[in-house]
Structure formats: C-alpha cells, structure tokens
N, C-alpha and C. Protein backbone atom coordinates (compact mmCIF):
# COMPACT_ATOMS: atom_id res chain seq x y z
N UNK A 1 15.36 -13.60 -0.57
CA UNK A 1 15.40 -13.49 0.73
C UNK A 1 15.16 -11.79 1.18
N UNK A 2 15.68 -10.99 0.27
CA UNK A 2 15.58 -9.63 0.47
C UNK A 2 13.98 -9.25 0.49
N UNK A 3 13.22 -9.69 -0.50
CA UNK A 3 11.77 -9.27 -0.69
C UNK A 3 11.01 -9.76 0.72
N UNK A 4 11.61 -11.11 1.17
CA UNK A 4 10.82 -11.42 2.50
C UNK A 4 11.14 -10.77 3.68
N UNK A 5 12.39 -10.02 3.66
CA UNK A 5 12.77 -9.05 4.66
C UNK A 5 11.85 -7.73 4.59
N UNK A 6 11.31 -7.32 3.46
CA UNK A 6 10.57 -6.43 3.40
C UNK A 6 9.13 -6.55 4.01
N UNK A 7 8.79 -7.79 4.06
CA UNK A 7 7.60 -8.05 4.94
C UNK A 7 7.75 -7.81 6.46
N UNK A 8 8.90 -8.11 6.83
CA UNK A 8 9.33 -7.78 8.28
C UNK A 8 9.35 -6.21 8.43
N UNK A 9 9.72 -5.50 7.74
CA UNK A 9 9.63 -3.99 7.61
C UNK A 9 8.13 -3.58 7.60
N UNK A 10 7.29 -4.15 6.82
CA UNK A 10 5.93 -3.78 6.54
C UNK A 10 5.20 -4.07 7.81
N UNK A 11 5.64 -5.33 8.44
CA UNK A 11 4.92 -5.76 9.71
C UNK A 11 5.15 -4.72 11.03
N UNK A 12 6.43 -4.51 10.90
CA UNK A 12 6.92 -3.39 11.92
C UNK A 12 6.06 -2.20 11.77
N UNK A 13 5.99 -1.66 10.50
CA UNK A 13 5.23 -0.44 10.23
C UNK A 13 3.87 -0.52 10.78
N UNK A 14 3.19 -1.65 10.41
CA UNK A 14 1.66 -1.85 10.76
C UNK A 14 1.58 -1.92 12.32
N UNK A 15 2.63 -2.48 13.05
CA UNK A 15 2.66 -2.72 14.47
C UNK A 15 2.49 -1.12 15.24
N UNK A 16 3.15 -0.36 14.49
CA UNK A 16 3.24 0.93 15.22
C UNK A 16 2.13 2.03 14.40
N UNK A 17 1.29 1.63 13.75
CA UNK A 17 0.29 2.32 13.10
C UNK A 17 -0.97 2.35 14.16
N UNK A 18 -1.94 3.30 14.20
CA UNK A 18 -3.13 3.30 14.73
C UNK A 18 -3.88 1.93 14.50
N UNK A 19 -4.31 1.20 15.52
CA UNK A 19 -5.09 0.10 15.50
C UNK A 19 -6.35 0.17 14.46
N UNK A 20 -6.89 1.33 14.61
CA UNK A 20 -8.17 1.51 13.78
C UNK A 20 -7.82 1.41 12.33
N UNK A 21 -6.61 2.01 11.83
CA UNK A 21 -6.17 1.90 10.39
C UNK A 21 -5.84 0.56 10.17
N UNK A 22 -5.11 -0.47 10.94
CA UNK A 22 -4.55 -1.74 10.70
C UNK A 22 -5.95 -2.55 10.68
N UNK A 23 -7.06 -2.19 11.29
CA UNK A 23 -8.31 -3.08 11.29
C UNK A 23 -9.05 -2.90 10.15
N UNK A 24 -8.66 -1.82 9.33
CA UNK A 24 -9.32 -1.68 7.98
C UNK A 24 -8.76 -2.73 7.03
N UNK A 25 -7.71 -3.48 7.35
CA UNK A 25 -7.01 -4.40 6.49
C UNK A 25 -7.60 -5.88 6.58
N UNK A 26 -7.93 -6.60 5.56
CA UNK A 26 -8.29 -7.80 5.75
C UNK A 26 -7.49 -8.78 6.61
N UNK A 27 -8.07 -9.47 7.24
CA UNK A 27 -7.28 -10.37 8.13
C UNK A 27 -6.55 -11.33 7.35
N UNK A 28 -7.03 -11.71 6.15
CA UNK A 28 -6.22 -12.69 5.31
C UNK A 28 -5.03 -12.00 4.84
N UNK A 29 -5.14 -10.65 4.58
CA UNK A 29 -3.67 -9.95 4.27
C UNK A 29 -2.58 -9.92 5.45
N UNK A 30 -3.29 -9.56 6.61
CA UNK A 30 -2.43 -9.48 7.77
C UNK A 30 -1.77 -10.94 7.97
N UNK A 31 -2.37 -12.05 7.85
CA UNK A 31 -1.96 -13.26 7.98
C UNK A 31 -0.89 -13.55 7.02
N UNK A 32 -1.06 -13.02 5.63
CA UNK A 32 -0.16 -13.27 4.57
C UNK A 32 1.18 -12.71 4.89
N UNK A 33 1.20 -11.40 5.36
CA UNK A 33 2.30 -10.80 5.57
C UNK A 33 3.04 -11.36 6.75
N UNK A 34 2.28 -11.85 7.89
CA UNK A 34 2.96 -12.33 8.96
C UNK A 34 3.68 -13.68 8.74
N UNK A 35 3.03 -14.33 7.89
CA UNK A 35 3.70 -15.88 7.39
C UNK A 35 4.66 -15.44 6.48
N UNK A 36 4.96 -14.44 5.62
CA UNK A 36 5.95 -14.28 4.63
C UNK A 36 7.07 -13.79 5.40
N UNK A 37 7.15 -13.27 6.61
CA UNK A 37 8.14 -12.68 7.27
C UNK A 37 9.53 -13.53 7.38
N UNK A 38 10.63 -13.27 7.53
CA UNK A 38 11.77 -14.02 7.63
C UNK A 38 11.92 -14.19 9.26
N UNK A 39 11.69 -15.23 9.83
CA UNK A 39 11.99 -15.57 11.25
C UNK A 39 13.22 -15.02 11.72
N UNK A 40 13.13 -14.42 12.93
CA UNK A 40 14.31 -13.97 13.52
C UNK A 40 14.93 -12.76 13.08
N UNK A 41 14.50 -12.27 11.87
CA UNK A 41 15.00 -11.06 11.40
C UNK A 41 14.60 -9.84 11.86
N UNK A 42 15.32 -9.12 12.41
CA UNK A 42 15.02 -7.62 12.94
C UNK A 42 14.92 -6.63 11.97
N UNK A 43 13.92 -5.97 12.10
CA UNK A 43 13.55 -4.79 10.99
C UNK A 43 14.50 -3.68 11.70
N UNK A 44 14.89 -2.68 10.72
CA UNK A 44 15.46 -1.67 11.06
C UNK A 44 14.65 -0.37 11.23
N UNK A 45 13.40 -0.57 11.23
CA UNK A 45 12.33 0.53 11.46
C UNK A 45 12.32 1.01 12.87
N UNK A 46 12.48 2.22 12.89
CA UNK A 46 12.45 3.12 14.13
C UNK A 46 11.07 3.77 14.42
N UNK A 47 10.24 3.40 15.17
CA UNK A 47 9.02 4.09 15.44
C UNK A 47 9.03 5.38 15.77
N UNK A 48 10.23 5.93 16.20
CA UNK A 48 10.45 7.27 16.66
C UNK A 48 10.92 8.33 15.53
N UNK A 49 11.15 7.61 14.36
CA UNK A 49 11.51 8.43 13.28
C UNK A 49 10.31 8.37 12.13
N UNK A 50 10.01 9.62 11.62
CA UNK A 50 9.01 9.65 10.59
C UNK A 50 9.14 8.79 9.39
N UNK A 51 8.10 8.03 8.90
CA UNK A 51 8.20 7.24 7.80
C UNK A 51 9.07 7.69 6.65
N UNK A 52 8.64 8.87 6.37
CA UNK A 52 9.65 9.38 5.09
C UNK A 52 11.32 9.31 5.47
N UNK A 53 11.59 9.01 6.61
CA UNK A 53 13.09 9.08 6.89
C UNK A 53 13.72 7.65 7.31
N UNK A 54 12.46 6.59 7.02
CA UNK A 54 12.84 5.30 7.45
C UNK A 54 13.73 4.41 6.46
N UNK A 55 14.74 3.68 6.69
CA UNK A 55 15.39 3.00 5.69
C UNK A 55 14.58 1.77 4.98
N UNK A 56 13.45 2.07 4.34
CA UNK A 56 12.72 0.98 3.78
C UNK A 56 12.74 1.01 2.25
N UNK A 57 12.51 -0.24 1.75
CA UNK A 57 12.73 -0.20 0.21
C UNK A 57 11.73 0.35 -0.55
N UNK A 58 11.98 0.48 -1.77
CA UNK A 58 11.05 1.08 -2.73
C UNK A 58 9.65 0.13 -2.77
N UNK A 59 10.00 -1.12 -2.72
CA UNK A 59 8.73 -2.07 -2.68
C UNK A 59 7.98 -1.74 -1.48
N UNK A 60 8.53 -1.78 -0.42
CA UNK A 60 7.71 -1.61 0.82
C UNK A 60 7.02 -0.41 0.67
N UNK A 61 7.47 0.80 0.15
CA UNK A 61 6.81 2.10 0.05
C UNK A 61 5.65 1.76 -0.99
N UNK A 62 5.93 1.02 -2.14
CA UNK A 62 4.92 0.77 -3.03
C UNK A 62 3.60 0.02 -2.38
N UNK A 63 3.92 -0.85 -1.40
CA UNK A 63 2.87 -1.67 -0.87
C UNK A 63 2.07 -0.74 0.20
N UNK A 64 2.71 0.22 0.69
CA UNK A 64 2.10 1.04 1.63
C UNK A 64 1.24 2.00 1.01
N UNK A 65 1.68 2.31 -0.35
CA UNK A 65 0.92 3.22 -1.24
C UNK A 65 -0.27 2.49 -1.72
N UNK A 66 -0.13 1.39 -2.00
CA UNK A 66 -1.26 0.42 -2.33
C UNK A 66 -2.37 0.16 -1.33
N UNK A 67 -1.85 0.07 -0.13
CA UNK A 67 -2.69 -0.01 0.98
C UNK A 67 -3.41 1.23 1.25
N UNK A 68 -2.77 2.36 1.20
CA UNK A 68 -3.31 3.51 1.30
C UNK A 68 -4.35 3.67 0.43
N UNK A 69 -4.17 3.72 -0.89
CA UNK A 69 -5.15 3.81 -1.96
C UNK A 69 -6.49 2.79 -1.81
N UNK A 70 -5.94 1.46 -1.40
CA UNK A 70 -6.96 0.56 -1.36
C UNK A 70 -7.89 0.58 -0.16
N UNK A 71 -7.31 0.82 1.19
CA UNK A 71 -8.04 0.58 2.32
C UNK A 71 -8.14 1.97 3.19
N UNK A 72 -7.19 2.81 3.04
CA UNK A 72 -7.13 3.95 3.98
C UNK A 72 -7.72 5.19 3.45
N UNK A 73 -7.76 5.41 2.16
CA UNK A 73 -8.26 6.63 1.58
C UNK A 73 -9.83 6.64 1.97
N UNK A 74 -10.18 7.68 2.50
CA UNK A 74 -11.42 8.01 2.86
C UNK A 74 -12.58 8.19 2.00
N UNK A 75 -12.44 8.76 0.88
CA UNK A 75 -13.42 9.24 -0.22
C UNK A 75 -12.88 8.85 -1.65
N UNK A 76 -13.87 8.89 -2.40
CA UNK A 76 -13.43 8.64 -4.00
C UNK A 76 -12.56 10.07 -4.28
N UNK A 77 -12.71 11.07 -3.92
CA UNK A 77 -11.89 12.40 -4.28
C UNK A 77 -10.43 12.04 -3.81
N UNK A 78 -10.52 11.66 -2.32
CA UNK A 78 -8.90 11.25 -1.85
C UNK A 78 -8.43 10.19 -2.60
N UNK A 79 -9.04 9.22 -3.10
CA UNK A 79 -8.43 8.13 -3.95
C UNK A 79 -7.95 8.56 -5.24
N UNK A 80 -8.56 9.50 -5.85
CA UNK A 80 -8.24 9.99 -7.17
C UNK A 80 -7.05 10.91 -6.96
N UNK A 81 -7.19 11.78 -5.90
CA UNK A 81 -6.04 12.74 -5.85
C UNK A 81 -4.64 11.79 -5.53
N UNK A 82 -4.81 10.62 -4.69
CA UNK A 82 -3.61 10.02 -4.37
C UNK A 82 -3.33 9.29 -5.65
N UNK A 83 -4.03 8.93 -6.41
CA UNK A 83 -3.57 8.14 -7.76
C UNK A 83 -3.10 9.14 -8.61
N UNK A 84 -3.42 10.35 -8.60
CA UNK A 84 -2.80 11.46 -9.34
C UNK A 84 -1.37 11.69 -8.88
N UNK A 85 -1.15 11.63 -7.47
CA UNK A 85 0.27 11.80 -7.03
C UNK A 85 1.17 10.74 -7.38
N UNK A 86 0.51 9.29 -7.48
CA UNK A 86 1.20 8.13 -7.86
C UNK A 86 1.62 8.34 -9.45
N UNK A 87 0.79 8.96 -10.24
CA UNK A 87 1.01 8.97 -11.57
C UNK A 87 2.02 10.18 -11.78
N UNK A 88 2.12 11.09 -11.06
CA UNK A 88 3.05 12.18 -11.15
C UNK A 88 4.37 11.50 -11.00
N UNK A 89 4.49 10.87 -9.93
CA UNK A 89 5.71 10.20 -9.46
C UNK A 89 6.26 9.14 -10.57
N UNK A 90 5.30 8.34 -11.18
CA UNK A 90 5.60 7.44 -12.16
C UNK A 90 6.08 8.09 -13.40
N UNK A 91 5.37 9.29 -13.90
CA UNK A 91 5.69 10.20 -15.00
C UNK A 91 7.26 10.68 -14.74
N UNK A 92 7.63 11.18 -13.52
CA UNK A 92 8.81 11.78 -13.12
C UNK A 92 9.88 10.59 -13.36
N UNK A 93 9.62 9.56 -12.60
CA UNK A 93 10.49 8.52 -12.82
C UNK A 93 10.86 8.02 -14.11
N UNK A 94 9.88 8.08 -14.92
CA UNK A 94 10.05 7.52 -16.45
C UNK A 94 10.62 8.56 -17.42
N UNK A 95 10.79 9.77 -16.81
CA UNK A 95 11.24 11.04 -17.51
C UNK A 95 10.26 11.58 -18.60
N UNK A 96 9.03 11.31 -18.17
CA UNK A 96 7.91 11.99 -18.94
C UNK A 96 7.41 13.50 -18.41
N UNK A 97 6.86 14.00 -19.34
CA UNK A 97 6.30 15.34 -18.90
C UNK A 97 5.40 15.23 -17.90
N UNK A 98 5.44 16.10 -16.67
CA UNK A 98 4.14 15.79 -15.84
C UNK A 98 2.95 16.41 -16.52
N UNK A 99 1.92 15.84 -16.09
CA UNK A 99 0.48 16.14 -16.53
C UNK A 99 -0.59 15.30 -15.78
N UNK A 100 -1.94 15.73 -16.09
CA UNK A 100 -2.77 14.93 -15.35
C UNK A 100 -3.14 13.62 -15.81
N UNK A 101 -3.44 12.60 -14.95
CA UNK A 101 -3.60 11.32 -15.29
C UNK A 101 -4.94 11.19 -16.33
N UNK A 102 -4.52 10.47 -17.43
CA UNK A 102 -5.70 10.34 -18.34
C UNK A 102 -6.60 9.20 -17.78
N UNK A 103 -7.83 9.33 -18.31
CA UNK A 103 -8.86 8.20 -17.76
C UNK A 103 -8.43 6.82 -18.05
N UNK A 104 -7.57 6.52 -19.17
CA UNK A 104 -7.06 5.18 -19.42
C UNK A 104 -6.07 4.92 -18.48
N UNK A 105 -5.11 5.89 -18.07
CA UNK A 105 -4.01 5.48 -17.00
C UNK A 105 -5.02 5.08 -15.66
N UNK A 106 -5.89 5.92 -15.32
CA UNK A 106 -6.72 5.59 -14.15
C UNK A 106 -7.51 4.32 -14.13
N UNK A 107 -8.08 3.94 -15.22
CA UNK A 107 -8.61 2.69 -15.50
C UNK A 107 -7.52 1.36 -15.30
N UNK A 108 -6.27 1.76 -15.79
CA UNK A 108 -5.20 0.88 -15.68
C UNK A 108 -4.89 0.62 -14.48
N UNK A 109 -4.71 1.70 -13.51
CA UNK A 109 -4.56 1.40 -11.97
C UNK A 109 -5.62 0.74 -11.43
N UNK A 110 -6.95 1.10 -11.72
CA UNK A 110 -8.08 0.33 -11.16
C UNK A 110 -7.91 -1.09 -11.30
N UNK A 111 -7.41 -1.45 -12.46
CA UNK A 111 -7.27 -2.91 -12.90
C UNK A 111 -6.20 -3.56 -12.00
N UNK A 112 -5.16 -2.80 -11.54
CA UNK A 112 -4.27 -3.40 -10.55
C UNK A 112 -4.93 -3.71 -9.09
N UNK A 113 -5.77 -2.72 -8.71
CA UNK A 113 -6.59 -2.94 -7.60
C UNK A 113 -7.68 -3.99 -7.64
N UNK A 114 -8.24 -4.35 -8.83
CA UNK A 114 -9.00 -5.30 -9.13
C UNK A 114 -8.20 -6.72 -8.82
N UNK A 115 -6.85 -6.80 -9.36
CA UNK A 115 -6.04 -7.88 -8.96
C UNK A 115 -5.85 -8.11 -7.60
N UNK A 116 -5.64 -7.10 -7.05
CA UNK A 116 -5.32 -6.96 -5.60
C UNK A 116 -6.55 -7.39 -4.65
N UNK A 117 -7.83 -7.05 -5.23
CA UNK A 117 -9.08 -7.41 -4.73
C UNK A 117 -9.34 -9.10 -4.83
N UNK A 118 -8.84 -9.58 -6.07
CA UNK A 118 -8.95 -10.91 -6.34
C UNK A 118 -8.07 -11.72 -5.05
N UNK A 119 -6.98 -11.23 -4.88
CA UNK A 119 -5.93 -11.74 -4.17
C UNK A 119 -6.36 -11.83 -2.59
N UNK A 120 -6.89 -10.72 -2.20
CA UNK A 120 -7.21 -10.46 -0.67
C UNK A 120 -8.49 -10.29 -0.08
N UNK A 121 -9.45 -9.94 -1.12
CA UNK A 121 -10.91 -9.83 -0.66
C UNK A 121 -11.28 -8.56 -1.22
N UNK A 122 -12.52 -8.24 -0.99
CA UNK A 122 -13.25 -6.85 -1.64
C UNK A 122 -12.41 -5.66 -0.95
N UNK A 123 -12.30 -4.85 -1.94
CA UNK A 123 -11.85 -3.52 -1.65
C UNK A 123 -13.00 -2.58 -1.15
N UNK A 124 -12.85 -1.90 0.15
CA UNK A 124 -14.17 -1.50 0.68
C UNK A 124 -14.94 -0.44 -0.15
N UNK A 125 -14.09 0.45 -1.00
CA UNK A 125 -14.71 1.43 -1.71
C UNK A 125 -15.42 0.93 -2.75
N UNK A 126 -15.26 -0.34 -3.18
CA UNK A 126 -16.12 -1.03 -4.30
C UNK A 126 -17.00 -1.82 -3.80
N UNK A 127 -17.27 -2.07 -2.40
CA UNK A 127 -18.14 -3.02 -1.95
C UNK A 127 -18.65 -2.44 -0.69
N UNK A 128 -19.93 -2.81 -0.32
CA UNK A 128 -20.28 -2.30 1.19
C UNK A 128 -19.69 -3.17 2.06
N UNK A 129 -19.12 -4.50 1.82
CA UNK A 129 -18.39 -5.12 2.85
C UNK A 129 -16.99 -4.85 2.95
N UNK A 130 -16.45 -4.99 4.18
CA UNK A 130 -14.95 -4.74 4.42
C UNK A 130 -14.02 -5.90 3.88
N UNK A 131 -14.74 -6.94 3.43
CA UNK A 131 -13.84 -8.06 3.07
C UNK A 131 -13.13 -8.77 3.93
N UNK A 132 -13.70 -8.94 5.23
CA UNK A 132 -13.19 -9.73 6.23
C UNK A 132 -13.75 -10.98 6.25
C-alpha cells in the first residue's frame, strides 16, 4: 500500500509542474501513474514548499530523477552531468570513494533506461519520436 501512495505523491507533483514539462512524458506513463494511485488518499505534497523540503519517499525521488534523466534533460551533456550526480550519490550512499563515473557504470545506467523504454515507449534522446 505504501508504494501505491507514492504514486499519489508523484501525481500531485506532476499536477503542479509546468504543463510543458509534463507534456514530455508519454501518455501511457501518465495513465499508469493515475491508475496506480490509491483512491481517496490525500498526498502531503504542498505546492508552496520547494521539492527538496517535501515529505516524499526516496522511491518517489528516484522516479523523479529517472524522469529528469529520461525526459526532461535537454542535451546529452546535461544527461551525462545528471548521471554523474546520480553516480556520486550512489557512491556516497554505498560508502565508496567519490570519483568519476566509469564508462561501464554509465552503460549500466543506460541499460536501466532501456528497460524503462521497453515499458513506456521510446526515450526522446534515443529516438526522433517522443514516444506518444
């Protein structure tokens, strides 16, 4: 049940984002999130508070990071920089020394997004299509 409540939080966040950003997400993904929500459960998201100070779970933050890297990053350089930040956070969480992302780590991350692509449609920066 807790995981399903995270969809309510994600939906609330998406409802308060710029429409142009939300429009970059595949309709199929938006329908999935809406269907997965817990009916009647009210999210604790407050649109007047910055996202960094919201009471959202780490899983919701992970999904937002995935959406950012997959759909909202504007250039290959921005995607690579964001992937580097994700890698640095993962290394810190695992107690590893900070360092640049290896090509193997980057390729592993790209495989995750290939799986995402298989579930929800083409990822814009790997295809001319927006996957809608």
